[in-house]
Every structure is written in C-alpha cells, then in structure tokens.
Amino acid sequence: MARALLAERCLLCVQDPHVDPEAMRREVDPAGVGGGVEELLTCYRDPYEAAAGADAILVCTEWAEYRAL
C-alpha cells in the first residue's frame, strides 16, 4: 500500500510500533532507488503525531493497540 501511494507522490506519515523506521524505509524502497522517498515518508513513534493534520488515515492492521485510538 505504501509503495503505491509513494508512487503517486503522496506524503506519508507512518507509525508501526514493531518496525524500526530505517527498516520501514528499506521496505518501501528496497532497491534504494530513492525517487524522493526520503521527502515523502516520515516515520513516527506516536500514532497521534502521525495522524496530526492528516487528510486521510489508513489503518492496515488488526493489532489491539490500534483499536482504542
């Protein structure tokens, strides 16, 4: 999902408590091509910070920690 949105040049603010931000960047840009990924992808530790000012929020998990948000 993130790769498709980045390909459309969407700004992504992501939060995943189980993935290191650098690992997340490698996941969305596995070849290290870049293409502006570093300007388009921002990783947050807090889900509320990631959602602040968002036009849309996409939750792609069933993890319990997101159910109470």
PDB file of N, CA and C in Angstrom:
ATOM      1  N   MET A   1       0.828  -1.182   0.000  1.00  0.00           N
ATOM      2  CA  MET A   1       0.000   0.000   0.000  1.00  0.00           C
ATOM      3  C   MET A   1       0.880   1.256   0.000  1.00  0.00           C
ATOM      4  N   ALA A   2       1.893   1.274   0.856  1.00  0.00           N
ATOM      5  CA  ALA A   2       2.756   2.453   0.944  1.00  0.00           C
ATOM      6  C   ALA A   2       3.484   2.712  -0.367  1.00  0.00           C
ATOM      7  N   ARG A   3       3.972   1.658  -1.002  1.00  0.00           N
ATOM      8  CA  ARG A   3       4.681   1.843  -2.280  1.00  0.00           C
ATOM      9  C   ARG A   3       3.772   2.478  -3.325  1.00  0.00           C
ATOM     10  N   ALA A   4       2.529   2.019  -3.400  1.00  0.00           N
ATOM     11  CA  ALA A   4       1.588   2.566  -4.374  1.00  0.00           C
ATOM     12  C   ALA A   4       1.308   4.038  -4.100  1.00  0.00           C
ATOM     13  N   LEU A   5       1.125   4.390  -2.852  1.00  0.00           N
ATOM     14  CA  LEU A   5       0.871   5.785  -2.502  1.00  0.00           C
ATOM     15  C   LEU A   5       2.096   6.659  -2.775  1.00  0.00           C
ATOM     16  N   LEU A   6       3.274   6.151  -2.464  1.00  0.00           N
ATOM     17  CA  LEU A   6       4.501   6.903  -2.750  1.00  0.00           C
ATOM     18  C   LEU A   6       4.702   7.086  -4.245  1.00  0.00           C
ATOM     19  N   ALA A   7       4.340   6.082  -5.034  1.00  0.00           N
ATOM     20  CA  ALA A   7       4.455   6.191  -6.489  1.00  0.00           C
ATOM     21  C   ALA A   7       3.575   7.313  -7.032  1.00  0.00           C
ATOM     22  N   GLU A   8       2.486   7.603  -6.318  1.00  0.00           N
ATOM     23  CA  GLU A   8       1.593   8.706  -6.685  1.00  0.00           C
ATOM     24  C   GLU A   8       2.040  10.028  -6.056  1.00  0.00           C
ATOM     25  N   ARG A   9       3.191   9.998  -5.393  1.00  0.00           N
ATOM     26  CA  ARG A   9       3.800  11.180  -4.756  1.00  0.00           C
ATOM     27  C   ARG A   9       2.988  11.677  -3.557  1.00  0.00           C
ATOM     28  N   CYS A  10       2.314  10.761  -2.858  1.00  0.00           N
ATOM     29  CA  CYS A  10       1.590  11.107  -1.633  1.00  0.00           C
ATOM     30  C   CYS A  10       2.585  11.267  -0.492  1.00  0.00           C
ATOM     31  N   LEU A  11       2.295  12.190   0.407  1.00  0.00           N
ATOM     32  CA  LEU A  11       3.082  12.346   1.623  1.00  0.00           C
ATOM     33  C   LEU A  11       2.557  11.354   2.647  1.00  0.00           C
ATOM     34  N   LEU A  12       3.424  10.508   3.174  1.00  0.00           N
ATOM     35  CA  LEU A  12       3.011   9.502   4.148  1.00  0.00           C
ATOM     36  C   LEU A  12       3.647   9.760   5.501  1.00  0.00           C
ATOM     37  N   CYS A  13       2.816   9.748   6.519  1.00  0.00           N
ATOM     38  CA  CYS A  13       3.258   9.816   7.913  1.00  0.00           C
ATOM     39  C   CYS A  13       2.866   8.474   8.515  1.00  0.00           C
ATOM     40  N   VAL A  14       3.835   7.651   8.801  1.00  0.00           N
ATOM     41  CA  VAL A  14       3.552   6.279   9.212  1.00  0.00           C
ATOM     42  C   VAL A  14       4.001   6.012  10.642  1.00  0.00           C
ATOM     43  N   GLN A  15       3.347   5.036  11.259  1.00  0.00           N
ATOM     44  CA  GLN A  15       3.692   4.623  12.611  1.00  0.00           C
ATOM     45  C   GLN A  15       3.482   3.132  12.710  1.00  0.00           C
ATOM     46  N   ASP A  16       4.495   2.438  13.162  1.00  0.00           N
ATOM     47  CA  ASP A  16       4.422   0.997  13.372  1.00  0.00           C
ATOM     48  C   ASP A  16       5.270   0.680  14.595  1.00  0.00           C
ATOM     49  N   PRO A  17       4.642   0.238  15.683  1.00  0.00           N
ATOM     50  CA  PRO A  17       5.401   0.004  16.911  1.00  0.00           C
ATOM     51  C   PRO A  17       6.347  -1.190  16.831  1.00  0.00           C
ATOM     52  N   HIS A  18       6.235  -1.986  15.773  1.00  0.00           N
ATOM     53  CA  HIS A  18       7.034  -3.203  15.666  1.00  0.00           C
ATOM     54  C   HIS A  18       8.141  -3.130  14.616  1.00  0.00           C
ATOM     55  N   VAL A  19       8.236  -2.002  13.919  1.00  0.00           N
ATOM     56  CA  VAL A  19       9.217  -1.880  12.840  1.00  0.00           C
ATOM     57  C   VAL A  19      10.054  -0.618  13.042  1.00  0.00           C
ATOM     58  N   ASP A  20      11.359  -0.784  12.949  1.00  0.00           N
ATOM     59  CA  ASP A  20      12.296   0.331  13.029  1.00  0.00           C
ATOM     60  C   ASP A  20      12.093   1.249  11.814  1.00  0.00           C
ATOM     61  N   PRO A  21      12.148   2.575  11.999  1.00  0.00           N
ATOM     62  CA  PRO A  21      11.950   3.493  10.870  1.00  0.00           C
ATOM     63  C   PRO A  21      12.872   3.223   9.676  1.00  0.00           C
ATOM     64  N   GLU A  22      14.117   2.888   9.918  1.00  0.00           N
ATOM     65  CA  GLU A  22      15.023   2.598   8.797  1.00  0.00           C
ATOM     66  C   GLU A  22      14.597   1.341   8.057  1.00  0.00           C
ATOM     67  N   ALA A  23      14.134   0.341   8.783  1.00  0.00           N
ATOM     68  CA  ALA A  23      13.634  -0.878   8.146  1.00  0.00           C
ATOM     69  C   ALA A  23      12.397  -0.568   7.309  1.00  0.00           C
ATOM     70  N   MET A  24      11.568   0.335   7.796  1.00  0.00           N
ATOM     71  CA  MET A  24      10.376   0.728   7.063  1.00  0.00           C
ATOM     72  C   MET A  24      10.758   1.417   5.756  1.00  0.00           C
ATOM     73  N   ARG A  25      11.741   2.297   5.819  1.00  0.00           N
ATOM     74  CA  ARG A  25      12.194   2.969   4.598  1.00  0.00           C
ATOM     75  C   ARG A  25      12.758   1.966   3.596  1.00  0.00           C
ATOM     76  N   ARG A  26      13.521   0.998   4.079  1.00  0.00           N
ATOM     77  CA  ARG A  26      14.053  -0.037   3.184  1.00  0.00           C
ATOM     78  C   ARG A  26      12.925  -0.868   2.583  1.00  0.00           C
ATOM     79  N   GLU A  27      11.874  -1.095   3.347  1.00  0.00           N
ATOM     80  CA  GLU A  27      10.740  -1.894   2.862  1.00  0.00           C
ATOM     81  C   GLU A  27      10.021  -1.206   1.700  1.00  0.00           C
ATOM     82  N   VAL A  28       9.833   0.101   1.793  1.00  0.00           N
ATOM     83  CA  VAL A  28       9.110   0.798   0.727  1.00  0.00           C
ATOM     84  C   VAL A  28      10.012   1.157  -0.448  1.00  0.00           C
ATOM     85  N   ASP A  29      11.323   1.131  -0.242  1.00  0.00           N
ATOM     86  CA  ASP A  29      12.282   1.426  -1.312  1.00  0.00           C
ATOM     87  C   ASP A  29      13.402   0.393  -1.275  1.00  0.00           C
ATOM     88  N   PRO A  30      13.074  -0.893  -1.558  1.00  0.00           N
ATOM     89  CA  PRO A  30      14.040  -1.972  -1.373  1.00  0.00           C
ATOM     90  C   PRO A  30      15.299  -1.857  -2.221  1.00  0.00           C
ATOM     91  N   ALA A  31      15.202  -1.243  -3.386  1.00  0.00           N
ATOM     92  CA  ALA A  31      16.377  -1.126  -4.247  1.00  0.00           C
ATOM     93  C   ALA A  31      17.216   0.094  -3.908  1.00  0.00           C
ATOM     94  N   GLY A  32      16.740   0.908  -2.965  1.00  0.00           N
ATOM     95  CA  GLY A  32      17.479   2.110  -2.616  1.00  0.00           C
ATOM     96  C   GLY A  32      17.462   3.150  -3.722  1.00  0.00           C
ATOM     97  N   VAL A  33      16.438   3.091  -4.566  1.00  0.00           N
ATOM     98  CA  VAL A  33      16.346   3.999  -5.702  1.00  0.00           C
ATOM     99  C   VAL A  33      16.077   5.425  -5.251  1.00  0.00           C
ATOM    100  N   GLY A  34      15.332   5.573  -4.203  1.00  0.00           N
ATOM    101  CA  GLY A  34      15.034   6.906  -3.696  1.00  0.00           C
ATOM    102  C   GLY A  34      13.803   7.476  -4.351  1.00  0.00           C
ATOM    103  N   GLY A  35      14.005   8.278  -5.363  1.00  0.00           N
ATOM    104  CA  GLY A  35      12.870   8.890  -6.034  1.00  0.00           C
ATOM    105  C   GLY A  35      12.090   9.806  -5.125  1.00  0.00           C
ATOM    106  N   GLY A  36      12.755  10.378  -4.133  1.00  0.00           N
ATOM    107  CA  GLY A  36      12.098  11.289  -3.222  1.00  0.00           C
ATOM    108  C   GLY A  36      11.464  10.631  -2.020  1.00  0.00           C
ATOM    109  N   VAL A  37      11.697   9.330  -1.838  1.00  0.00           N
ATOM    110  CA  VAL A  37      11.083   8.628  -0.703  1.00  0.00           C
ATOM    111  C   VAL A  37      11.421   9.333   0.604  1.00  0.00           C
ATOM    112  N   GLU A  38      12.647   9.785   0.746  1.00  0.00           N
ATOM    113  CA  GLU A  38      13.040  10.438   1.998  1.00  0.00           C
ATOM    114  C   GLU A  38      12.257  11.718   2.260  1.00  0.00           C
ATOM    115  N   GLU A  39      11.790  12.386   1.199  1.00  0.00           N
ATOM    116  CA  GLU A  39      10.967  13.588   1.389  1.00  0.00           C
ATOM    117  C   GLU A  39       9.493  13.264   1.580  1.00  0.00           C
ATOM    118  N   LEU A  40       9.063  12.105   1.113  1.00  0.00           N
ATOM    119  CA  LEU A  40       7.647  11.753   1.143  1.00  0.00           C
ATOM    120  C   LEU A  40       7.248  10.911   2.345  1.00  0.00           C
ATOM    121  N   LEU A  41       8.203  10.230   2.969  1.00  0.00           N
ATOM    122  CA  LEU A  41       7.904   9.298   4.049  1.00  0.00           C
ATOM    123  C   LEU A  41       8.479   9.806   5.367  1.00  0.00           C
ATOM    124  N   THR A  42       7.615   9.998   6.341  1.00  0.00           N
ATOM    125  CA  THR A  42       8.031  10.382   7.685  1.00  0.00           C
ATOM    126  C   THR A  42       7.524   9.327   8.656  1.00  0.00           C
ATOM    127  N   CYS A  43       8.424   8.828   9.501  1.00  0.00           N
ATOM    128  CA  CYS A  43       8.066   7.796  10.476  1.00  0.00           C
ATOM    129  C   CYS A  43       7.908   8.426  11.864  1.00  0.00           C
ATOM    130  N   TYR A  44       6.886   7.987  12.570  1.00  0.00           N
ATOM    131  CA  TYR A  44       6.595   8.491  13.907  1.00  0.00           C
ATOM    132  C   TYR A  44       6.523   7.333  14.887  1.00  0.00           C
ATOM    133  N   ARG A  45       6.811   7.618  16.136  1.00  0.00           N
ATOM    134  CA  ARG A  45       6.664   6.615  17.193  1.00  0.00           C
ATOM    135  C   ARG A  45       5.258   6.663  17.805  1.00  0.00           C
ATOM    136  N   ASP A  46       4.613   7.816  17.716  1.00  0.00           N
ATOM    137  CA  ASP A  46       3.291   8.006  18.308  1.00  0.00           C
ATOM    138  C   ASP A  46       2.224   8.080  17.214  1.00  0.00           C
ATOM    139  N   PRO A  47       1.168   7.274  17.289  1.00  0.00           N
ATOM    140  CA  PRO A  47       0.146   7.294  16.238  1.00  0.00           C
ATOM    141  C   PRO A  47      -0.605   8.621  16.150  1.00  0.00           C
ATOM    142  N   TYR A  48      -0.754   9.314  17.263  1.00  0.00           N
ATOM    143  CA  TYR A  48      -1.443  10.601  17.236  1.00  0.00           C
ATOM    144  C   TYR A  48      -0.607  11.651  16.516  1.00  0.00           C
ATOM    145  N   GLU A  49       0.705  11.601  16.680  1.00  0.00           N
ATOM    146  CA  GLU A  49       1.579  12.516  15.949  1.00  0.00           C
ATOM    147  C   GLU A  49       1.524  12.216  14.458  1.00  0.00           C
ATOM    148  N   ALA A  50       1.510  10.940  14.107  1.00  0.00           N
ATOM    149  CA  ALA A  50       1.447  10.560  12.699  1.00  0.00           C
ATOM    150  C   ALA A  50       0.149  11.028  12.052  1.00  0.00           C
ATOM    151  N   ALA A  51      -0.935  11.051  12.806  1.00  0.00           N
ATOM    152  CA  ALA A  51      -2.243  11.421  12.268  1.00  0.00           C
ATOM    153  C   ALA A  51      -2.520  12.918  12.284  1.00  0.00           C
ATOM    154  N   ALA A  52      -1.745  13.679  13.029  1.00  0.00           N
ATOM    155  CA  ALA A  52      -1.994  15.114  13.165  1.00  0.00           C
ATOM    156  C   ALA A  52      -1.965  15.807  11.800  1.00  0.00           C
ATOM    157  N   GLY A  53      -3.028  16.496  11.473  1.00  0.00           N
ATOM    158  CA  GLY A  53      -3.113  17.255  10.232  1.00  0.00           C
ATOM    159  C   GLY A  53      -3.370  16.420   8.989  1.00  0.00           C
ATOM    160  N   ALA A  54      -3.654  15.153   9.151  1.00  0.00           N
ATOM    161  CA  ALA A  54      -3.849  14.260   8.001  1.00  0.00           C
ATOM    162  C   ALA A  54      -5.161  14.548   7.285  1.00  0.00           C
ATOM    163  N   ASP A  55      -5.156  14.378   5.981  1.00  0.00           N
ATOM    164  CA  ASP A  55      -6.376  14.446   5.187  1.00  0.00           C
ATOM    165  C   ASP A  55      -7.102  13.110   5.212  1.00  0.00           C
ATOM    166  N   ALA A  56      -6.343  12.037   5.435  1.00  0.00           N
ATOM    167  CA  ALA A  56      -6.916  10.688   5.491  1.00  0.00           C
ATOM    168  C   ALA A  56      -6.041   9.834   6.398  1.00  0.00           C
ATOM    169  N   ILE A  57      -6.653   8.835   7.015  1.00  0.00           N
ATOM    170  CA  ILE A  57      -5.924   7.897   7.873  1.00  0.00           C
ATOM    171  C   ILE A  57      -6.264   6.489   7.406  1.00  0.00           C
ATOM    172  N   LEU A  58      -5.226   5.690   7.217  1.00  0.00           N
ATOM    173  CA  LEU A  58      -5.396   4.316   6.778  1.00  0.00           C
ATOM    174  C   LEU A  58      -4.778   3.411   7.833  1.00  0.00           C
ATOM    175  N   VAL A  59      -5.576   2.513   8.404  1.00  0.00           N
ATOM    176  CA  VAL A  59      -5.086   1.558   9.394  1.00  0.00           C
ATOM    177  C   VAL A  59      -5.129   0.183   8.744  1.00  0.00           C
ATOM    178  N   CYS A  60      -3.963  -0.432   8.600  1.00  0.00           N
ATOM    179  CA  CYS A  60      -3.856  -1.729   7.917  1.00  0.00           C
ATOM    180  C   CYS A  60      -3.374  -2.804   8.880  1.00  0.00           C
ATOM    181  N   THR A  61      -4.064  -2.942   9.974  1.00  0.00           N
ATOM    182  CA  THR A  61      -3.702  -3.949  10.957  1.00  0.00           C
ATOM    183  C   THR A  61      -4.898  -4.255  11.843  1.00  0.00           C
ATOM    184  N   GLU A  62      -4.844  -5.376  12.511  1.00  0.00           N
ATOM    185  CA  GLU A  62      -5.866  -5.730  13.493  1.00  0.00           C
ATOM    186  C   GLU A  62      -5.302  -5.702  14.899  1.00  0.00           C
ATOM    187  N   TRP A  63      -4.098  -5.139  15.074  1.00  0.00           N
ATOM    188  CA  TRP A  63      -3.458  -5.131  16.370  1.00  0.00           C
ATOM    189  C   TRP A  63      -4.306  -4.391  17.408  1.00  0.00           C
ATOM    190  N   ALA A  64      -4.340  -4.936  18.589  1.00  0.00           N
ATOM    191  CA  ALA A  64      -5.158  -4.394  19.672  1.00  0.00           C
ATOM    192  C   ALA A  64      -4.789  -2.962  20.028  1.00  0.00           C
ATOM    193  N   GLU A  65      -3.524  -2.588  19.914  1.00  0.00           N
ATOM    194  CA  GLU A  65      -3.133  -1.232  20.324  1.00  0.00           C
ATOM    195  C   GLU A  65      -3.781  -0.148  19.464  1.00  0.00           C
ATOM    196  N   TYR A  66      -4.305  -0.500  18.292  1.00  0.00           N
ATOM    197  CA  TYR A  66      -4.961   0.486  17.434  1.00  0.00           C
ATOM    198  C   TYR A  66      -6.476   0.519  17.623  1.00  0.00           C
ATOM    199  N   ARG A  67      -7.029  -0.432  18.290  1.00  0.00           N
ATOM    200  CA  ARG A  67      -8.482  -0.491  18.471  1.00  0.00           C
ATOM    201  C   ARG A  67      -9.026   0.622  19.338  1.00  0.00           C
ATOM    202  N   ALA A  68      -8.247   1.103  20.278  1.00  0.00           N
ATOM    203  CA  ALA A  68      -8.725   2.126  21.211  1.00  0.00           C
ATOM    204  C   ALA A  68      -8.413   3.551  20.753  1.00  0.00           C
ATOM    205  N   LEU A  69      -7.803   3.708  19.610  1.00  0.00           N
ATOM    206  CA  LEU A  69      -7.433   5.060  19.149  1.00  0.00           C
ATOM    207  C   LEU A  69      -8.645   5.836  18.701  1.00  0.00           C
TER     208      LEU A  69
END
